[in-house]
PDB file of N, CA and C in Angstrom:
ATOM      1  N   PRO A   1     -32.080  30.388 -78.611  1.00  0.00           N
ATOM      2  CA  PRO A   1     -32.966  29.837 -76.716  1.00  0.00           C
ATOM      3  C   PRO A   1     -34.035  30.892 -76.404  1.00  0.00           C
ATOM      4  N   LYS A   2     -33.698  30.125 -75.229  1.00  0.00           N
ATOM      5  CA  LYS A   2     -35.361  31.587 -75.335  1.00  0.00           C
ATOM      6  C   LYS A   2     -34.296  32.269 -73.857  1.00  0.00           C
ATOM      7  N   GLU A   3     -34.917  32.966 -73.564  1.00  0.00           N
ATOM      8  CA  GLU A   3     -33.808  33.578 -72.848  1.00  0.00           C
ATOM      9  C   GLU A   3     -34.175  33.570 -71.596  1.00  0.00           C
ATOM     10  N   ASP A   4     -36.178  32.719 -70.975  1.00  0.00           N
ATOM     11  CA  ASP A   4     -35.734  32.224 -69.902  1.00  0.00           C
ATOM     12  C   ASP A   4     -36.000  30.728 -69.948  1.00  0.00           C
ATOM     13  N   SER A   5     -35.042  29.874 -70.809  1.00  0.00           N
ATOM     14  CA  SER A   5     -34.692  28.827 -70.034  1.00  0.00           C
ATOM     15  C   SER A   5     -33.180  28.683 -68.943  1.00  0.00           C
ATOM     16  N   LYS A   6     -33.429  27.531 -68.831  1.00  0.00           N
ATOM     17  CA  LYS A   6     -32.176  27.164 -67.360  1.00  0.00           C
ATOM     18  C   LYS A   6     -31.725  25.979 -68.456  1.00  0.00           C
ATOM     19  N   ARG A   7     -32.300  24.960 -68.976  1.00  0.00           N
ATOM     20  CA  ARG A   7     -32.029  24.396 -69.476  1.00  0.00           C
ATOM     21  C   ARG A   7     -30.473  24.724 -70.380  1.00  0.00           C
ATOM     22  N   VAL A   8     -28.671  23.311 -70.199  1.00  0.00           N
ATOM     23  CA  VAL A   8     -28.271  23.311 -70.885  1.00  0.00           C
ATOM     24  C   VAL A   8     -27.843  22.528 -71.298  1.00  0.00           C
ATOM     25  N   MET A   9     -27.593  22.322 -72.755  1.00  0.00           N
ATOM     26  CA  MET A   9     -27.097  20.069 -72.937  1.00  0.00           C
ATOM     27  C   MET A   9     -25.286  20.636 -73.091  1.00  0.00           C
ATOM     28  N   THR A  10     -24.392  20.030 -73.245  1.00  0.00           N
ATOM     29  CA  THR A  10     -23.646  19.567 -72.863  1.00  0.00           C
ATOM     30  C   THR A  10     -22.454  18.126 -74.418  1.00  0.00           C
ATOM     31  N   PHE A  11     -22.051  19.334 -75.038  1.00  0.00           N
ATOM     32  CA  PHE A  11     -21.585  17.608 -75.704  1.00  0.00           C
ATOM     33  C   PHE A  11     -19.592  18.270 -75.732  1.00  0.00           C
ATOM     34  N   ALA A  12     -19.141  17.308 -74.810  1.00  0.00           N
ATOM     35  CA  ALA A  12     -17.648  17.649 -74.555  1.00  0.00           C
ATOM     36  C   ALA A  12     -17.162  16.057 -74.906  1.00  0.00           C
ATOM     37  N   ASN A  13     -15.895  16.223 -76.090  1.00  0.00           N
ATOM     38  CA  ASN A  13     -15.253  14.864 -76.363  1.00  0.00           C
ATOM     39  C   ASN A  13     -14.451  14.914 -75.495  1.00  0.00           C
ATOM     40  N   GLU A  14     -13.890  13.960 -75.323  1.00  0.00           N
ATOM     41  CA  GLU A  14     -12.582  13.098 -74.745  1.00  0.00           C
ATOM     42  C   GLU A  14     -12.923  12.156 -75.505  1.00  0.00           C
ATOM     43  N   GLY A  15     -11.010  11.509 -75.432  1.00  0.00           N
ATOM     44  CA  GLY A  15     -10.906  10.425 -76.220  1.00  0.00           C
ATOM     45  C   GLY A  15     -11.652  10.822 -76.528  1.00  0.00           C
ATOM     46  N   ASP A  16     -12.241   9.395 -77.578  1.00  0.00           N
ATOM     47  CA  ASP A  16     -12.722   8.463 -79.180  1.00  0.00           C
ATOM     48  C   ASP A  16     -14.364   8.878 -78.328  1.00  0.00           C
ATOM     49  N   TYR A  17     -14.648   9.241 -76.829  1.00  0.00           N
ATOM     50  CA  TYR A  17     -15.712   9.117 -77.029  1.00  0.00           C
ATOM     51  C   TYR A  17     -16.565  10.583 -77.081  1.00  0.00           C
ATOM     52  N   ILE A  18     -17.842  11.502 -76.743  1.00  0.00           N
ATOM     53  CA  ILE A  18     -18.307  11.685 -76.636  1.00  0.00           C
ATOM     54  C   ILE A  18     -20.080  11.558 -76.171  1.00  0.00           C
ATOM     55  N   SER A  19     -19.330  12.488 -74.737  1.00  0.00           N
ATOM     56  CA  SER A  19     -20.658  12.555 -73.974  1.00  0.00           C
ATOM     57  C   SER A  19     -21.632  13.934 -73.997  1.00  0.00           C
ATOM     58  N   PHE A  20     -22.883  13.026 -74.007  1.00  0.00           N
ATOM     59  CA  PHE A  20     -24.354  14.402 -73.974  1.00  0.00           C
ATOM     60  C   PHE A  20     -24.352  14.312 -72.429  1.00  0.00           C
ATOM     61  N   ARG A  21     -24.445  15.828 -72.002  1.00  0.00           N
ATOM     62  CA  ARG A  21     -25.275  16.070 -70.716  1.00  0.00           C
ATOM     63  C   ARG A  21     -26.011  17.318 -69.950  1.00  0.00           C
ATOM     64  N   HIS A  22     -27.178  17.195 -69.558  1.00  0.00           N
ATOM     65  CA  HIS A  22     -27.545  18.068 -69.165  1.00  0.00           C
ATOM     66  C   HIS A  22     -28.186  18.230 -67.834  1.00  0.00           C
ATOM     67  N   HIS A  23     -27.434  19.730 -67.745  1.00  0.00           N
ATOM     68  CA  HIS A  23     -27.509  20.938 -66.215  1.00  0.00           C
ATOM     69  C   HIS A  23     -28.902  21.509 -66.618  1.00  0.00           C
ATOM     70  N   VAL A  24     -28.760  21.867 -65.240  1.00  0.00           N
ATOM     71  CA  VAL A  24     -29.449  22.847 -65.214  1.00  0.00           C
ATOM     72  C   VAL A  24     -28.169  23.843 -64.493  1.00  0.00           C
ATOM     73  N   PHE A  25     -28.841  25.631 -64.630  1.00  0.00           N
ATOM     74  CA  PHE A  25     -28.058  27.168 -63.906  1.00  0.00           C
ATOM     75  C   PHE A  25     -28.704  27.378 -63.371  1.00  0.00           C
ATOM     76  N   VAL A  26     -28.187  27.666 -62.674  1.00  0.00           N
ATOM     77  CA  VAL A  26     -28.515  29.377 -61.414  1.00  0.00           C
ATOM     78  C   VAL A  26     -27.635  29.911 -61.245  1.00  0.00           C
ATOM     79  N   LYS A  27     -28.107  31.268 -62.166  1.00  0.00           N
ATOM     80  CA  LYS A  27     -27.267  33.114 -61.260  1.00  0.00           C
ATOM     81  C   LYS A  27     -27.159  32.937 -59.711  1.00  0.00           C
ATOM     82  N   VAL A  28     -25.954  33.212 -59.454  1.00  0.00           N
ATOM     83  CA  VAL A  28     -25.512  33.046 -58.019  1.00  0.00           C
ATOM     84  C   VAL A  28     -25.435  35.089 -57.849  1.00  0.00           C
ATOM     85  N   ASN A  29     -24.839  34.794 -58.436  1.00  0.00           N
ATOM     86  CA  ASN A  29     -24.566  36.544 -59.340  1.00  0.00           C
ATOM     87  C   ASN A  29     -23.913  37.886 -60.587  1.00  0.00           C
ATOM     88  N   ASN A  30     -23.875  38.734 -60.086  1.00  0.00           N
ATOM     89  CA  ASN A  30     -23.563  39.321 -61.276  1.00  0.00           C
ATOM     90  C   ASN A  30     -22.353  38.079 -62.553  1.00  0.00           C
ATOM     91  N   LYS A  31     -21.364  37.477 -61.608  1.00  0.00           N
ATOM     92  CA  LYS A  31     -20.192  37.326 -61.826  1.00  0.00           C
ATOM     93  C   LYS A  31     -20.336  35.641 -61.546  1.00  0.00           C
ATOM     94  N   GLU A  32     -21.299  34.399 -61.189  1.00  0.00           N
ATOM     95  CA  GLU A  32     -20.872  33.211 -60.959  1.00  0.00           C
ATOM     96  C   GLU A  32     -22.322  32.679 -60.989  1.00  0.00           C
ATOM     97  N   VAL A  33     -22.314  31.394 -61.570  1.00  0.00           N
ATOM     98  CA  VAL A  33     -23.762  30.531 -61.629  1.00  0.00           C
ATOM     99  C   VAL A  33     -23.075  29.179 -60.993  1.00  0.00           C
ATOM    100  N   GLN A  34     -24.356  28.167 -60.641  1.00  0.00           N
ATOM    101  CA  GLN A  34     -24.286  27.267 -60.471  1.00  0.00           C
ATOM    102  C   GLN A  34     -24.826  26.160 -61.241  1.00  0.00           C
ATOM    103  N   LEU A  35     -24.075  24.655 -61.826  1.00  0.00           N
ATOM    104  CA  LEU A  35     -24.689  24.617 -62.584  1.00  0.00           C
ATOM    105  C   LEU A  35     -24.848  23.165 -61.579  1.00  0.00           C
ATOM    106  N   ALA A  36     -25.893  22.179 -62.134  1.00  0.00           N
ATOM    107  CA  ALA A  36     -26.648  21.443 -61.718  1.00  0.00           C
ATOM    108  C   ALA A  36     -26.767  20.044 -62.372  1.00  0.00           C
ATOM    109  N   GLU A  37     -25.858  18.443 -62.823  1.00  0.00           N
ATOM    110  CA  GLU A  37     -26.225  17.612 -63.587  1.00  0.00           C
ATOM    111  C   GLU A  37     -27.603  16.882 -63.546  1.00  0.00           C
ATOM    112  N   VAL A  38     -28.693  17.756 -64.412  1.00  0.00           N
ATOM    113  CA  VAL A  38     -29.329  16.138 -64.278  1.00  0.00           C
ATOM    114  C   VAL A  38     -30.260  15.239 -65.898  1.00  0.00           C
ATOM    115  N   GLY A  39     -31.300  14.014 -65.771  1.00  0.00           N
ATOM    116  CA  GLY A  39     -31.472  14.777 -66.736  1.00  0.00           C
ATOM    117  C   GLY A  39     -31.143  13.257 -67.134  1.00  0.00           C
ATOM    118  N   PRO A  40     -31.553  12.721 -68.128  1.00  0.00           N
ATOM    119  CA  PRO A  40     -30.497  11.987 -69.237  1.00  0.00           C
ATOM    120  C   PRO A  40     -28.695  12.032 -68.909  1.00  0.00           C
ATOM    121  N   ARG A  41     -27.872  10.864 -69.856  1.00  0.00           N
ATOM    122  CA  ARG A  41     -26.083  11.448 -69.456  1.00  0.00           C
ATOM    123  C   ARG A  41     -26.578   9.554 -70.543  1.00  0.00           C
ATOM    124  N   PHE A  42     -25.475  10.202 -71.857  1.00  0.00           N
ATOM    125  CA  PHE A  42     -25.170   9.145 -72.722  1.00  0.00           C
ATOM    126  C   PHE A  42     -23.696   9.324 -73.756  1.00  0.00           C
ATOM    127  N   GLU A  43     -23.001   8.177 -73.675  1.00  0.00           N
ATOM    128  CA  GLU A  43     -22.005   8.751 -74.143  1.00  0.00           C
ATOM    129  C   GLU A  43     -21.606   7.876 -76.138  1.00  0.00           C
ATOM    130  N   MET A  44     -21.266   9.019 -76.265  1.00  0.00           N
ATOM    131  CA  MET A  44     -21.182   7.442 -77.537  1.00  0.00           C
ATOM    132  C   MET A  44     -20.179   7.748 -77.939  1.00  0.00           C
ATOM    133  N   ARG A  45     -19.764   6.629 -79.513  1.00  0.00           N
ATOM    134  CA  ARG A  45     -18.514   6.499 -80.069  1.00  0.00           C
ATOM    135  C   ARG A  45     -18.449   6.329 -81.738  1.00  0.00           C
ATOM    136  N   LEU A  46     -17.848   7.464 -81.709  1.00  0.00           N
ATOM    137  CA  LEU A  46     -17.866   7.273 -83.574  1.00  0.00           C
ATOM    138  C   LEU A  46     -17.338   6.154 -84.063  1.00  0.00           C
ATOM    139  N   TYR A  47     -17.791   5.997 -85.257  1.00  0.00           N
ATOM    140  CA  TYR A  47     -18.160   5.183 -86.011  1.00  0.00           C
ATOM    141  C   TYR A  47     -18.465   5.278 -87.436  1.00  0.00           C
ATOM    142  N   GLU A  48     -18.068   7.020 -87.967  1.00  0.00           N
ATOM    143  CA  GLU A  48     -17.903   7.009 -88.911  1.00  0.00           C
ATOM    144  C   GLU A  48     -18.349   8.220 -89.647  1.00  0.00           C
ATOM    145  N   ILE A  49     -17.654   9.183 -90.402  1.00  0.00           N
ATOM    146  CA  ILE A  49     -17.698  10.172 -90.578  1.00  0.00           C
ATOM    147  C   ILE A  49     -17.534   9.959 -92.278  1.00  0.00           C
ATOM    148  N   LYS A  50     -18.889  10.932 -92.812  1.00  0.00           N
ATOM    149  CA  LYS A  50     -19.504  10.876 -93.654  1.00  0.00           C
ATOM    150  C   LYS A  50     -19.456  12.248 -94.735  1.00  0.00           C
ATOM    151  N   LEU A  51     -18.801  12.855 -95.826  1.00  0.00           N
ATOM    152  CA  LEU A  51     -19.684  13.653 -96.427  1.00  0.00           C
ATOM    153  C   LEU A  51     -20.588  14.291 -96.963  1.00  0.00           C
ATOM    154  N   GLY A  52     -21.367  15.471 -96.684  1.00  0.00           N
ATOM    155  CA  GLY A  52     -22.189  15.689 -97.164  1.00  0.00           C
ATOM    156  C   GLY A  52     -24.007  15.536 -95.745  1.00  0.00           C
ATOM    157  N   THR A  53     -24.713  15.779 -96.231  1.00  0.00           N
ATOM    158  CA  THR A  53     -26.039  15.362 -95.458  1.00  0.00           C
ATOM    159  C   THR A  53     -26.273  14.851 -94.991  1.00  0.00           C
ATOM    160  N   VAL A  54     -27.938  13.572 -94.338  1.00  0.00           N
ATOM    161  CA  VAL A  54     -28.442  12.681 -94.102  1.00  0.00           C
ATOM    162  C   VAL A  54     -29.723  12.358 -95.435  1.00  0.00           C
ATOM    163  N   GLU A  55     -29.319  13.586 -96.323  1.00  0.00           N
ATOM    164  CA  GLU A  55     -30.010  12.838 -96.776  1.00  0.00           C
ATOM    165  C   GLU A  55     -29.697  12.644 -98.290  1.00  0.00           C
ATOM    166  N   LEU A  56     -28.305  12.887 -98.555  1.00  0.00           N
ATOM    167  CA  LEU A  56     -27.373  12.119 -99.304  1.00  0.00           C
ATOM    168  C   LEU A  56     -27.020  10.534 -99.090  1.00  0.00           C
ATOM    169  N   LYS A  57     -27.878   9.358-100.462  1.00  0.00           N
ATOM    170  CA  LYS A  57     -27.663   8.513 -99.570  1.00  0.00           C
ATOM    171  C   LYS A  57     -25.933   7.835-100.599  1.00  0.00           C
ATOM    172  N   ALA A  58     -25.812   9.270-102.147  1.00  0.00           N
ATOM    173  CA  ALA A  58     -24.025   8.388-102.081  1.00  0.00           C
ATOM    174  C   ALA A  58     -23.123   9.248-101.449  1.00  0.00           C
ATOM    175  N   ALA A  59     -23.018   9.715-100.513  1.00  0.00           N
ATOM    176  CA  ALA A  59     -22.224  10.456 -99.781  1.00  0.00           C
ATOM    177  C   ALA A  59     -21.296   9.605 -99.532  1.00  0.00           C
ATOM    178  N   ASP A  60     -19.530  10.829 -99.875  1.00  0.00           N
ATOM    179  CA  ASP A  60     -18.725   9.816 -99.951  1.00  0.00           C
ATOM    180  C   ASP A  60     -18.629   9.638 -98.239  1.00  0.00           C
ATOM    181  N   THR A  61     -17.624   8.678 -98.048  1.00  0.00           N
ATOM    182  CA  THR A  61     -16.968   8.004 -96.276  1.00  0.00           C
ATOM    183  C   THR A  61     -16.256   8.942 -96.072  1.00  0.00           C
ATOM    184  N   GLU A  62     -15.745   9.491 -95.281  1.00  0.00           N
ATOM    185  CA  GLU A  62     -14.323  10.113 -95.284  1.00  0.00           C
ATOM    186  C   GLU A  62     -13.532   9.761 -93.904  1.00  0.00           C
ATOM    187  N   TRP A  63     -14.572   9.014 -92.919  1.00  0.00           N
ATOM    188  CA  TRP A  63     -13.763   7.745 -92.071  1.00  0.00           C
ATOM    189  C   TRP A  63     -14.283   6.812 -91.062  1.00  0.00           C
ATOM    190  N   VAL A  64     -13.844   5.251 -91.361  1.00  0.00           N
ATOM    191  CA  VAL A  64     -14.529   4.340 -90.734  1.00  0.00           C
ATOM    192  C   VAL A  64     -13.876   4.182 -89.200  1.00  0.00           C
ATOM    193  N   LEU A  65     -14.558   3.918 -88.493  1.00  0.00           N
ATOM    194  CA  LEU A  65     -14.021   2.800 -87.361  1.00  0.00           C
ATOM    195  C   LEU A  65     -13.672   1.285 -87.758  1.00  0.00           C
ATOM    196  N   ARG A  66     -11.853   0.789 -87.221  1.00  0.00           N
ATOM    197  CA  ARG A  66     -11.798  -0.543 -88.254  1.00  0.00           C
ATOM    198  C   ARG A  66     -11.532  -0.470 -87.265  1.00  0.00           C
ATOM    199  N   PRO A  67     -12.138  -1.019 -86.085  1.00  0.00           N
ATOM    200  CA  PRO A  67     -10.960  -1.468 -84.911  1.00  0.00           C
ATOM    201  C   PRO A  67     -10.060  -2.986 -85.166  1.00  0.00           C
ATOM    202  N   TYR A  68     -10.411  -3.733 -85.982  1.00  0.00           N
ATOM    203  CA  TYR A  68      -9.066  -4.809 -86.257  1.00  0.00           C
ATOM    204  C   TYR A  68      -8.085  -4.560 -87.450  1.00  0.00           C
ATOM    205  N   GLN A  69      -7.735  -2.812 -88.275  1.00  0.00           N
ATOM    206  CA  GLN A  69      -7.280  -2.518 -89.015  1.00  0.00           C
ATOM    207  C   GLN A  69      -6.097  -3.204 -88.279  1.00  0.00           C
ATOM    208  N   ARG A  70      -5.114  -3.061 -87.258  1.00  0.00           N
ATOM    209  CA  ARG A  70      -3.245  -2.696 -87.474  1.00  0.00           C
ATOM    210  C   ARG A  70      -4.169  -4.119 -86.177  1.00  0.00           C
ATOM    211  N   THR A  71      -4.236  -5.426 -86.552  1.00  0.00           N
ATOM    212  CA  THR A  71      -3.773  -6.076 -85.457  1.00  0.00           C
ATOM    213  C   THR A  71      -1.880  -7.160 -86.421  1.00  0.00           C
ATOM    214  N   ALA A  72      -1.733  -7.017 -87.032  1.00  0.00           N
ATOM    215  CA  ALA A  72      -0.725  -8.812 -87.912  1.00  0.00           C
ATOM    216  C   ALA A  72       0.689  -8.406 -86.872  1.00  0.00           C
ATOM    217  N   ARG A  73       0.598  -6.983 -86.016  1.00  0.00           N
ATOM    218  CA  ARG A  73       1.611  -7.661 -85.253  1.00  0.00           C
ATOM    219  C   ARG A  73       1.705  -8.123 -83.661  1.00  0.00           C
ATOM    220  N   LYS A  74       0.296  -8.267 -83.719  1.00  0.00           N
ATOM    221  CA  LYS A  74      -0.583  -9.124 -82.888  1.00  0.00           C
ATOM    222  C   LYS A  74      -0.460 -10.304 -82.761  1.00  0.00           C
ATOM    223  N   ARG A  75      -0.780 -11.080 -83.533  1.00  0.00           N
ATOM    224  CA  ARG A  75      -1.398 -12.078 -84.456  1.00  0.00           C
ATOM    225  C   ARG A  75       0.106 -13.176 -83.707  1.00  0.00           C
ATOM    226  N   ASP A  76       1.257 -12.856 -83.630  1.00  0.00           N
ATOM    227  CA  ASP A  76       2.610 -13.628 -83.139  1.00  0.00           C
ATOM    228  C   ASP A  76       1.758 -13.721 -81.983  1.00  0.00           C
ATOM    229  N   ARG A  77       0.948 -13.044 -81.298  1.00  0.00           N
ATOM    230  CA  ARG A  77       1.785 -13.153 -79.050  1.00  0.00           C
ATOM    231  C   ARG A  77       0.354 -13.778 -79.262  1.00  0.00           C
ATOM    232  N   LEU A  78      -0.785 -13.427 -79.376  1.00  0.00           N
ATOM    233  CA  LEU A  78      -2.021 -14.632 -80.154  1.00  0.00           C
ATOM    234  C   LEU A  78      -1.986 -15.877 -80.675  1.00  0.00           C
TER     235      LEU A  78
END
């Protein structure tokens, strides 16, 4: 990071969503910093985790989101 940079990017995990935010900070004094949210923000939902790097075509899948995987108990009610 640059020493004179004033922008901070935040990745926060809440529930099953990853929130991405841009903040600008200003030092008030030696112990206090004020944050102001600016610019684009979005939320991502994880759908797959693969072992390895992006370049690997044959990477093993560690986890996959399957929203309708456990619906056997609900079928009687629907």
